[in-house]
Amino acid sequence: MRFRTIVAGAGILVVLGAISILALNTGVLSNAQFTERWTSDTAVDTQGNHHAPAIATVDGRTMLYAPISATKGTSSCRLAALNATDGTTQWQYPVPSSACAIHAVADPTVSDYDDDGSLEVLAATTENQTVVLNATTGAVERRYDLSNYGYTQPVVTDLTGDGKQELVVADVSGRVSVFRPNGTTVWSRNLTGYSWGQPAVDDFDADGQPEIAVGFSDGQLHLLERDGTRAWERPKELGGSITWMATQQTDGDPAIEIVTATPAGNVTTIDGRTKTTEWQSDFGRFAAVHAVEDGDDDGTVEVYAVARDGKLRSVRASDGRVEWTTTLTTEDVQMMPPPALGDVDGDGDDELVAAGNDGSVSIVDPSSGDVRVAYERETPIFVHPTLDDVDDDGAQEVFVMYSDGRVVSLDTN
């Protein structure tokens, strides 16, 4: 991993105070430095933004779609389309002031969901709708009505097996709906509890057909068949509300595992076919997970889990054994977002990018837990970073949504 001298990139839009670039003294790359590429001009008057942006190449330009929430009743809530190269705003979809709130726009999805040859941006909003926007212009192409606002990212997939894509949405009050691109509903089902964790679609039970996994605030985990019938449900044994969820093949059997995390601190891996617990560990309050992959190339998948104690843990996904633990912050934080995994220096190996609720962004070695470099603002972060190689240099850039609505783009190469 090589780092170049810090420069103020030409694409920076806002000059920020209280910013520092840190090279942590871990004995590894102690002279490493971090480059801030740009900071978006999307600040709002609240510090509650906690939804991650999406990135896609649209008509030859790499675009970033940032969900911006703001104070209730204001006109600042919006989905902002930014040029991912320099951070300039290309278009905005405004949420009406009557619907503007802290959850105004959830994590967006970018997909050609209707197979018309052009990309769309899909996001659930506090208008109690999932809105479909032209990714180039921001024009509204369709709206899908929900029973409540959506907190999670819409899933675009061929759920029904008809060769066409459908839109799977779970709104916050526990209603799961499957829509066709023409606006009709395949099915819709009410389930108990609020839905905070990201739903997922995969062949979890290895029967050759996809299912939907959805977790709820009452601790229940449901697996739904593609026609909406229940494949199985887990009772309230996961240690509280499921606020974070990830899925992966973790142990070599045909089934896909589901990894959940709760505010009480439990991280649990559940077999997608048998619904049994493979392991469960208590890592402390406000546990969170996102990246579940073989980050250190040792042939086994790891769960990268954080908690309010400011520590990041690499956990062997097959049996729950902790491989290493590193401290990201010693501050008294509200929570810690889970890390993302990607190749941010272009060397062909992945690194962990860990955002902290204290405003820091750290690069962590997946093999050892050594913290390689960090960036810091005096503004909290509540969501994992987004990674993408937007300049085609072979290394992924880092995009961080800060709680004040600003997106910061960072480069380590």
Protein backbone atom coordinates (compact mmCIF):
# COMPACT_ATOMS: atom_id res chain seq x y z
CA MET A 1 0.00 0.00 0.00
CA ARG A 2 1.49 3.33 -1.09
CA PHE A 3 0.16 6.76 -0.19
CA ARG A 4 0.95 10.10 -1.75
CA THR A 5 1.25 13.57 -0.25
CA ILE A 6 -1.94 15.21 1.00
CA VAL A 7 -3.29 17.75 -1.46
CA ALA A 8 -6.45 19.79 -1.63
CA GLY A 9 -8.13 18.24 -4.66
CA ALA A 10 -9.53 20.48 -7.38
CA GLY A 11 -12.97 19.00 -6.87
CA ILE A 12 -13.39 20.13 -3.24
CA LEU A 13 -16.56 22.17 -2.99
CA VAL A 14 -16.63 23.16 0.67
CA VAL A 15 -13.74 24.17 2.91
CA LEU A 16 -14.27 22.44 6.24
CA GLY A 17 -12.91 23.28 9.66
CA ALA A 18 -11.82 20.74 12.23
CA ILE A 19 -10.40 18.25 9.72
CA SER A 20 -7.25 16.29 10.34
CA ILE A 21 -5.33 13.61 8.49
CA LEU A 22 -3.85 11.00 10.80
CA ALA A 23 -1.22 8.32 10.34
CA LEU A 24 -1.66 5.96 13.26
CA ASN A 25 1.47 4.65 14.93
CA THR A 26 0.94 0.91 14.52
CA GLY A 27 4.39 0.09 13.24
CA VAL A 28 2.93 -0.36 9.75
CA LEU A 29 3.13 2.43 7.19
CA SER A 30 3.53 5.08 9.90
CA ASN A 31 4.17 7.75 7.21
CA ALA A 32 1.02 6.92 5.25
CA GLN A 33 -1.16 9.82 4.21
CA PHE A 34 -4.70 10.29 2.96
CA THR A 35 -6.01 12.48 0.12
CA GLU A 36 -9.37 14.18 0.36
CA ARG A 37 -10.72 14.31 -3.21
CA TRP A 38 -13.82 16.42 -2.58
CA THR A 39 -16.54 17.25 -0.09
CA SER A 40 -20.09 17.76 -1.33
CA ASP A 41 -22.08 20.94 -0.87
CA THR A 42 -25.08 19.07 0.58
CA ALA A 43 -24.95 20.03 4.27
CA VAL A 44 -28.18 20.28 6.27
CA ASP A 45 -28.99 21.67 9.71
CA THR A 46 -29.17 18.31 11.47
CA GLN A 47 -26.71 15.55 12.30
CA GLY A 48 -28.87 12.50 11.78
CA ASN A 49 -28.03 11.28 8.26
CA HIS A 50 -27.43 7.53 8.36
CA HIS A 51 -28.16 6.10 4.91
CA ALA A 52 -25.41 5.13 2.45
CA PRO A 53 -25.10 6.53 -1.09
CA ALA A 54 -25.06 4.39 -4.24
CA ILE A 55 -22.66 4.69 -7.18
CA ALA A 56 -23.12 3.78 -10.85
CA THR A 57 -21.76 4.70 -14.28
CA VAL A 58 -24.52 6.43 -16.24
CA ASP A 59 -24.06 7.55 -19.85
CA GLY A 60 -20.29 7.45 -19.46
CA ARG A 61 -20.23 9.42 -16.17
CA THR A 62 -19.78 7.92 -12.73
CA MET A 63 -22.57 9.21 -10.51
CA LEU A 64 -23.14 9.12 -6.76
CA TYR A 65 -26.70 9.19 -5.41
CA ALA A 66 -26.80 10.60 -1.89
CA PRO A 67 -29.90 10.28 0.33
CA ILE A 68 -30.18 13.48 2.39
CA SER A 69 -32.43 13.76 5.44
CA ALA A 70 -33.04 16.97 7.39
CA THR A 71 -35.12 18.62 10.08
CA LYS A 72 -38.81 17.76 10.03
CA GLY A 73 -40.92 20.15 8.00
CA THR A 74 -38.03 21.78 6.10
CA SER A 75 -37.39 21.74 2.36
CA SER A 76 -33.87 20.26 2.67
CA CYS A 77 -34.72 16.54 2.34
CA ARG A 78 -33.73 15.16 -1.05
CA LEU A 79 -31.97 12.57 -3.14
CA ALA A 80 -28.95 14.34 -4.62
CA ALA A 81 -27.23 13.07 -7.76
CA LEU A 82 -23.55 14.06 -7.67
CA ASN A 83 -20.74 13.68 -10.17
CA ALA A 84 -18.57 11.11 -8.37
CA THR A 85 -15.41 12.60 -9.90
CA ASP A 86 -15.71 16.09 -8.43
CA GLY A 87 -18.80 16.08 -6.20
CA THR A 88 -20.80 18.64 -8.15
CA THR A 89 -24.58 18.32 -8.02
CA GLN A 90 -26.18 17.16 -11.27
CA TRP A 91 -29.82 16.99 -10.19
CA GLN A 92 -31.93 16.66 -7.05
CA TYR A 93 -35.20 14.95 -6.23
CA PRO A 94 -36.84 16.99 -3.45
CA VAL A 95 -38.95 15.36 -0.75
CA PRO A 96 -41.88 17.69 0.06
CA SER A 97 -41.49 19.63 3.30
CA SER A 98 -44.62 17.93 4.63
CA ALA A 99 -42.76 14.60 4.43
CA CYS A 100 -39.24 15.83 5.27
CA ALA A 101 -37.89 13.97 8.31
CA ILE A 102 -34.83 12.15 9.60
CA HIS A 103 -35.58 9.04 7.49
CA ALA A 104 -36.62 11.02 4.40
CA VAL A 105 -34.71 8.96 1.83
CA ALA A 106 -33.43 5.43 2.44
CA ASP A 107 -30.42 3.76 0.80
CA PRO A 108 -30.92 3.93 -3.00
CA THR A 109 -30.51 1.15 -5.56
CA VAL A 110 -29.32 1.78 -9.13
CA SER A 111 -30.54 -0.74 -11.71
CA ASP A 112 -32.12 -1.08 -15.13
CA TYR A 113 -35.03 -2.68 -13.32
CA ASP A 114 -37.45 -2.41 -16.26
CA ASP A 115 -34.96 -3.65 -18.91
CA ASP A 116 -35.43 -0.55 -21.08
CA GLY A 117 -31.69 -0.10 -21.61
CA SER A 118 -31.27 2.82 -19.21
CA LEU A 119 -30.53 2.92 -15.50
CA GLU A 120 -32.98 4.02 -12.82
CA VAL A 121 -32.47 5.07 -9.21
CA LEU A 122 -34.92 3.50 -6.78
CA ALA A 123 -35.35 4.70 -3.20
CA ALA A 124 -37.98 4.48 -0.49
CA THR A 125 -39.02 7.80 1.05
CA THR A 126 -41.11 9.27 3.85
CA GLU A 127 -43.74 10.03 1.20
CA ASN A 128 -44.64 6.38 1.94
CA GLN A 129 -43.54 5.48 -1.55
CA THR A 130 -40.68 3.91 -3.42
CA VAL A 131 -39.82 6.37 -6.15
CA VAL A 132 -38.17 5.38 -9.45
CA LEU A 133 -36.09 8.12 -11.07
CA ASN A 134 -34.25 8.35 -14.37
CA ALA A 135 -30.61 8.05 -13.33
CA THR A 136 -29.47 10.65 -15.88
CA THR A 137 -32.08 13.37 -15.42
CA GLY A 138 -33.84 12.65 -12.13
CA ALA A 139 -37.23 12.59 -13.84
CA VAL A 140 -39.81 10.51 -11.98
CA GLU A 141 -40.64 7.36 -13.95
CA ARG A 142 -42.87 5.59 -11.43
CA ARG A 143 -44.04 5.58 -7.82
CA TYR A 144 -44.97 2.54 -5.75
CA ASP A 145 -47.22 3.12 -2.73
CA LEU A 146 -46.14 1.67 0.62
CA SER A 147 -48.02 1.32 3.90
CA ASN A 148 -45.29 3.35 5.64
CA TYR A 149 -41.92 4.84 4.83
CA GLY A 150 -39.11 2.51 3.80
CA TYR A 151 -35.93 2.33 5.89
CA THR A 152 -33.91 -0.11 3.77
CA GLN A 153 -32.58 -0.43 0.23
CA PRO A 154 -34.98 -1.80 -2.43
CA VAL A 155 -33.89 -5.13 -3.93
CA VAL A 156 -34.12 -5.63 -7.71
CA THR A 157 -34.12 -9.29 -8.75
CA ASP A 158 -36.00 -11.94 -10.72
CA LEU A 159 -37.85 -13.31 -7.71
CA THR A 160 -40.70 -15.06 -9.52
CA GLY A 161 -38.53 -16.89 -12.06
CA ASP A 162 -40.30 -15.46 -15.12
CA GLY A 163 -37.10 -14.03 -16.58
CA LYS A 164 -38.06 -10.47 -15.68
CA GLN A 165 -36.95 -8.41 -12.72
CA GLU A 166 -39.17 -7.46 -9.80
CA LEU A 167 -38.80 -4.90 -7.04
CA VAL A 168 -38.77 -6.19 -3.44
CA VAL A 169 -39.46 -3.58 -0.74
CA ALA A 170 -39.90 -3.93 3.02
CA ASP A 171 -41.36 -0.82 4.62
CA VAL A 172 -40.64 0.13 8.21
CA SER A 173 -43.91 -1.20 9.62
CA GLY A 174 -43.19 -4.75 8.43
CA ARG A 175 -45.03 -4.96 5.13
CA VAL A 176 -43.10 -6.82 2.40
CA SER A 177 -44.19 -6.08 -1.17
CA VAL A 178 -43.10 -7.35 -4.57
CA PHE A 179 -43.81 -5.07 -7.54
CA ARG A 180 -43.48 -5.45 -11.30
CA PRO A 181 -41.83 -2.71 -13.41
CA ASN A 182 -45.23 -1.95 -14.99
CA GLY A 183 -46.53 -0.80 -11.59
CA THR A 184 -48.60 -3.84 -10.66
CA THR A 185 -48.18 -5.80 -7.43
CA VAL A 186 -47.10 -9.45 -7.46
CA TRP A 187 -47.94 -9.86 -3.78
CA SER A 188 -47.82 -7.95 -0.52
CA ARG A 189 -47.73 -9.34 3.01
CA ASN A 190 -47.90 -7.82 6.49
CA LEU A 191 -45.48 -9.21 9.06
CA THR A 192 -45.07 -8.29 12.71
CA GLY A 193 -42.64 -5.67 13.99
CA TYR A 194 -40.61 -2.85 12.47
CA SER A 195 -38.07 -3.68 9.79
CA TRP A 196 -34.66 -2.00 10.19
CA GLY A 197 -32.15 -4.58 8.88
CA GLN A 198 -31.49 -4.84 5.14
CA PRO A 199 -33.67 -7.54 3.51
CA ALA A 200 -31.95 -9.97 1.16
CA VAL A 201 -32.94 -12.28 -1.70
CA ASP A 202 -31.05 -15.53 -2.34
CA ASP A 203 -31.55 -19.27 -2.50
CA PHE A 204 -31.08 -19.55 1.25
CA ASP A 205 -32.34 -23.12 1.66
CA ALA A 206 -30.65 -24.49 -1.49
CA ASP A 207 -33.90 -25.66 -3.08
CA GLY A 208 -33.17 -24.03 -6.43
CA GLN A 209 -35.54 -21.09 -5.90
CA PRO A 210 -34.93 -17.68 -4.30
CA GLU A 211 -36.37 -16.62 -0.95
CA ILE A 212 -36.60 -13.30 0.90
CA ALA A 213 -34.98 -12.95 4.33
CA VAL A 214 -36.40 -10.17 6.52
CA GLY A 215 -35.54 -9.31 10.14
CA PHE A 216 -37.69 -7.35 12.57
CA SER A 217 -37.54 -5.18 15.65
CA ASP A 218 -39.13 -7.88 17.80
CA GLY A 219 -36.17 -10.17 17.08
CA GLN A 220 -37.99 -12.42 14.63
CA LEU A 221 -36.38 -13.50 11.38
CA HIS A 222 -38.63 -14.58 8.50
CA LEU A 223 -37.80 -16.46 5.32
CA LEU A 224 -40.46 -16.02 2.64
CA GLU A 225 -40.86 -18.12 -0.49
CA ARG A 226 -41.03 -16.28 -3.79
CA ASP A 227 -44.85 -16.46 -3.74
CA GLY A 228 -44.99 -14.81 -0.30
CA THR A 229 -45.70 -17.92 1.75
CA ARG A 230 -43.55 -18.47 4.81
CA ALA A 231 -40.67 -20.94 4.44
CA TRP A 232 -39.78 -20.56 8.11
CA GLU A 233 -39.54 -18.06 10.93
CA ARG A 234 -37.24 -17.76 13.87
CA PRO A 235 -38.75 -16.81 17.23
CA LYS A 236 -37.35 -14.03 19.37
CA GLU A 237 -34.03 -15.70 20.14
CA LEU A 238 -31.58 -13.36 18.45
CA GLY A 239 -31.10 -10.96 21.35
CA GLY A 240 -33.39 -8.08 20.46
CA SER A 241 -34.17 -5.95 17.43
CA ILE A 242 -32.43 -6.97 14.19
CA THR A 243 -30.87 -3.68 13.10
CA TRP A 244 -28.10 -5.04 10.85
CA MET A 245 -28.20 -8.06 8.57
CA ALA A 246 -25.86 -9.61 6.00
CA THR A 247 -25.87 -12.88 4.07
CA GLN A 248 -23.14 -15.16 2.76
CA GLN A 249 -22.12 -18.79 2.27
CA THR A 250 -19.98 -19.21 5.37
CA ASP A 251 -19.40 -22.94 5.96
CA GLY A 252 -19.33 -24.81 2.66
CA ASP A 253 -22.75 -26.46 2.86
CA PRO A 254 -25.33 -25.70 0.14
CA ALA A 255 -27.38 -23.28 2.26
CA ILE A 256 -26.74 -19.54 2.55
CA GLU A 257 -26.22 -18.21 6.07
CA ILE A 258 -27.86 -15.10 7.51
CA VAL A 259 -25.84 -12.95 9.92
CA THR A 260 -27.75 -10.61 12.24
CA ALA A 261 -26.69 -8.00 14.79
CA THR A 262 -28.74 -6.35 17.54
CA PRO A 263 -28.47 -3.29 19.82
CA ALA A 264 -28.18 -5.68 22.76
CA GLY A 265 -24.85 -6.85 21.30
CA ASN A 266 -25.62 -10.28 19.84
CA VAL A 267 -24.15 -11.29 16.48
CA THR A 268 -25.77 -14.51 15.25
CA THR A 269 -25.28 -16.75 12.21
CA ILE A 270 -28.33 -18.74 11.11
CA ASP A 271 -28.40 -21.60 8.59
CA GLY A 272 -30.73 -20.66 5.72
CA ARG A 273 -32.09 -24.18 5.29
CA THR A 274 -32.51 -25.46 8.84
CA LYS A 275 -33.01 -22.03 10.54
CA THR A 276 -30.72 -23.24 13.33
CA THR A 277 -28.16 -21.04 15.06
CA GLU A 278 -24.64 -21.92 13.96
CA TRP A 279 -23.09 -19.58 16.53
CA GLN A 280 -23.93 -16.51 18.57
CA SER A 281 -21.60 -14.08 20.34
CA ASP A 282 -22.15 -11.02 22.52
CA PHE A 283 -19.80 -8.23 21.41
CA GLY A 284 -21.37 -5.46 23.49
CA ARG A 285 -24.08 -2.91 22.94
CA PHE A 286 -25.02 -1.74 19.45
CA ALA A 287 -23.30 -4.52 17.55
CA ALA A 288 -23.27 -4.05 13.77
CA VAL A 289 -22.28 -6.11 10.71
CA HIS A 290 -22.09 -5.44 6.97
CA ALA A 291 -19.06 -7.06 5.28
CA VAL A 292 -19.10 -10.87 5.46
CA GLU A 293 -16.35 -12.05 3.13
CA ASP A 294 -12.93 -13.72 3.03
CA GLY A 295 -11.05 -10.47 3.52
CA ASP A 296 -7.66 -11.98 4.33
CA ASP A 297 -7.63 -14.64 1.57
CA ASP A 298 -7.14 -17.49 4.05
CA GLY A 299 -9.86 -19.61 2.47
CA THR A 300 -12.45 -18.93 5.18
CA VAL A 301 -15.12 -16.23 5.34
CA GLU A 302 -14.97 -13.63 8.10
CA VAL A 303 -17.67 -11.54 9.75
CA TYR A 304 -16.38 -8.04 10.51
CA ALA A 305 -18.31 -6.86 13.57
CA VAL A 306 -18.19 -3.61 15.53
CA ALA A 307 -19.88 -2.41 18.70
CA ARG A 308 -20.26 0.73 20.80
CA ASP A 309 -16.98 -0.07 22.57
CA GLY A 310 -15.14 1.25 19.48
CA LYS A 311 -13.61 -2.13 18.61
CA LEU A 312 -13.59 -3.97 15.30
CA ARG A 313 -13.45 -7.76 15.35
CA SER A 314 -12.62 -10.27 12.64
CA VAL A 315 -14.75 -13.33 13.38
CA ARG A 316 -14.45 -16.67 11.59
CA ALA A 317 -17.89 -16.99 10.02
CA SER A 318 -18.08 -20.78 10.20
CA ASP A 319 -17.77 -21.08 13.99
CA GLY A 320 -17.63 -17.58 15.56
CA ARG A 321 -13.99 -17.73 16.66
CA VAL A 322 -12.51 -14.22 16.97
CA GLU A 323 -9.35 -13.99 14.84
CA TRP A 324 -8.33 -10.50 15.98
CA THR A 325 -9.69 -7.37 17.64
CA THR A 326 -8.53 -3.80 17.05
CA THR A 327 -9.58 -0.51 18.62
CA LEU A 328 -10.83 2.14 16.21
CA THR A 329 -11.71 4.76 18.84
CA THR A 330 -11.61 5.20 22.60
CA GLU A 331 -14.18 7.98 22.59
CA ASP A 332 -17.60 7.56 24.21
CA VAL A 333 -19.52 7.12 20.96
CA GLN A 334 -23.22 6.53 20.39
CA MET A 335 -22.57 3.53 18.11
CA MET A 336 -20.10 2.33 15.46
CA PRO A 337 -20.97 1.71 11.80
CA PRO A 338 -19.71 -1.60 10.36
CA PRO A 339 -16.80 -1.53 7.89
CA ALA A 340 -16.77 -2.04 4.13
CA LEU A 341 -14.29 -4.28 2.31
CA GLY A 342 -12.51 -3.48 -0.96
CA ASP A 343 -9.19 -2.87 -2.71
CA VAL A 344 -8.55 0.80 -1.97
CA ASP A 345 -4.86 0.88 -2.91
CA GLY A 346 -4.92 -1.12 -6.16
CA ASP A 347 -2.55 -3.87 -4.99
CA GLY A 348 -5.02 -6.67 -5.69
CA ASP A 349 -5.72 -7.32 -2.00
CA ASP A 350 -8.71 -6.07 -0.07
CA GLU A 351 -8.60 -3.66 2.86
CA LEU A 352 -11.24 -2.87 5.46
CA VAL A 353 -12.53 0.69 5.49
CA ALA A 354 -13.94 1.43 8.94
CA ALA A 355 -15.95 4.58 9.58
CA GLY A 356 -16.30 5.70 13.19
CA ASN A 357 -19.11 7.46 14.98
CA ASP A 358 -16.37 9.83 16.19
CA GLY A 359 -15.96 11.07 12.59
CA SER A 360 -12.89 9.00 11.72
CA VAL A 361 -12.30 6.77 8.69
CA SER A 362 -9.65 4.06 9.15
CA ILE A 363 -7.98 1.66 6.73
CA VAL A 364 -7.51 -1.70 8.47
CA ASP A 365 -5.47 -4.74 7.41
CA PRO A 366 -7.91 -7.69 7.22
CA SER A 367 -5.15 -10.15 8.10
CA SER A 368 -3.86 -8.53 11.29
CA GLY A 369 -6.23 -5.76 12.33
CA ASP A 370 -3.45 -3.16 12.02
CA VAL A 371 -4.89 0.31 11.45
CA ARG A 372 -3.01 1.75 8.50
CA VAL A 373 -4.30 5.30 8.11
CA ALA A 374 -7.21 7.47 9.25
CA TYR A 375 -9.09 10.62 8.31
CA GLU A 376 -11.19 12.62 10.74
CA ARG A 377 -13.88 15.30 10.91
CA GLU A 378 -15.64 16.49 14.03
CA THR A 379 -18.94 15.21 12.66
CA PRO A 380 -20.40 11.79 13.47
CA ILE A 381 -20.82 8.94 11.00
CA PHE A 382 -23.68 6.46 11.33
CA VAL A 383 -23.33 4.27 8.23
CA HIS A 384 -20.71 2.16 6.47
CA PRO A 385 -18.60 3.72 3.66
CA THR A 386 -19.32 3.13 -0.02
CA LEU A 387 -16.40 1.98 -2.20
CA ASP A 388 -16.00 2.27 -5.97
CA ASP A 389 -13.19 2.85 -8.48
CA VAL A 390 -14.60 5.96 -10.13
CA ASP A 391 -11.41 7.11 -11.87
CA ASP A 392 -10.38 3.73 -13.33
CA ASP A 393 -6.97 3.76 -11.65
CA GLY A 394 -7.35 0.21 -10.30
CA ALA A 395 -8.04 1.34 -6.73
CA GLN A 396 -11.43 1.94 -5.18
CA GLU A 397 -12.17 5.38 -3.81
CA VAL A 398 -13.92 5.81 -0.46
CA PHE A 399 -17.19 7.74 -0.10
CA VAL A 400 -18.45 8.55 3.38
CA MET A 401 -21.84 9.95 4.33
CA TYR A 402 -21.42 12.19 7.37
CA SER A 403 -24.36 12.89 9.66
CA ASP A 404 -24.61 16.52 8.48
CA GLY A 405 -25.49 15.36 4.95
CA ARG A 406 -22.07 15.97 3.41
CA VAL A 407 -20.41 13.22 1.40
CA VAL A 408 -16.60 13.10 1.58
CA SER A 409 -14.60 11.34 -1.13
CA LEU A 410 -11.19 9.96 -0.06
CA ASP A 411 -8.32 8.41 -2.02
CA THR A 412 -5.44 6.29 -0.71
CA ASN A 413 -3.56 5.93 -3.98
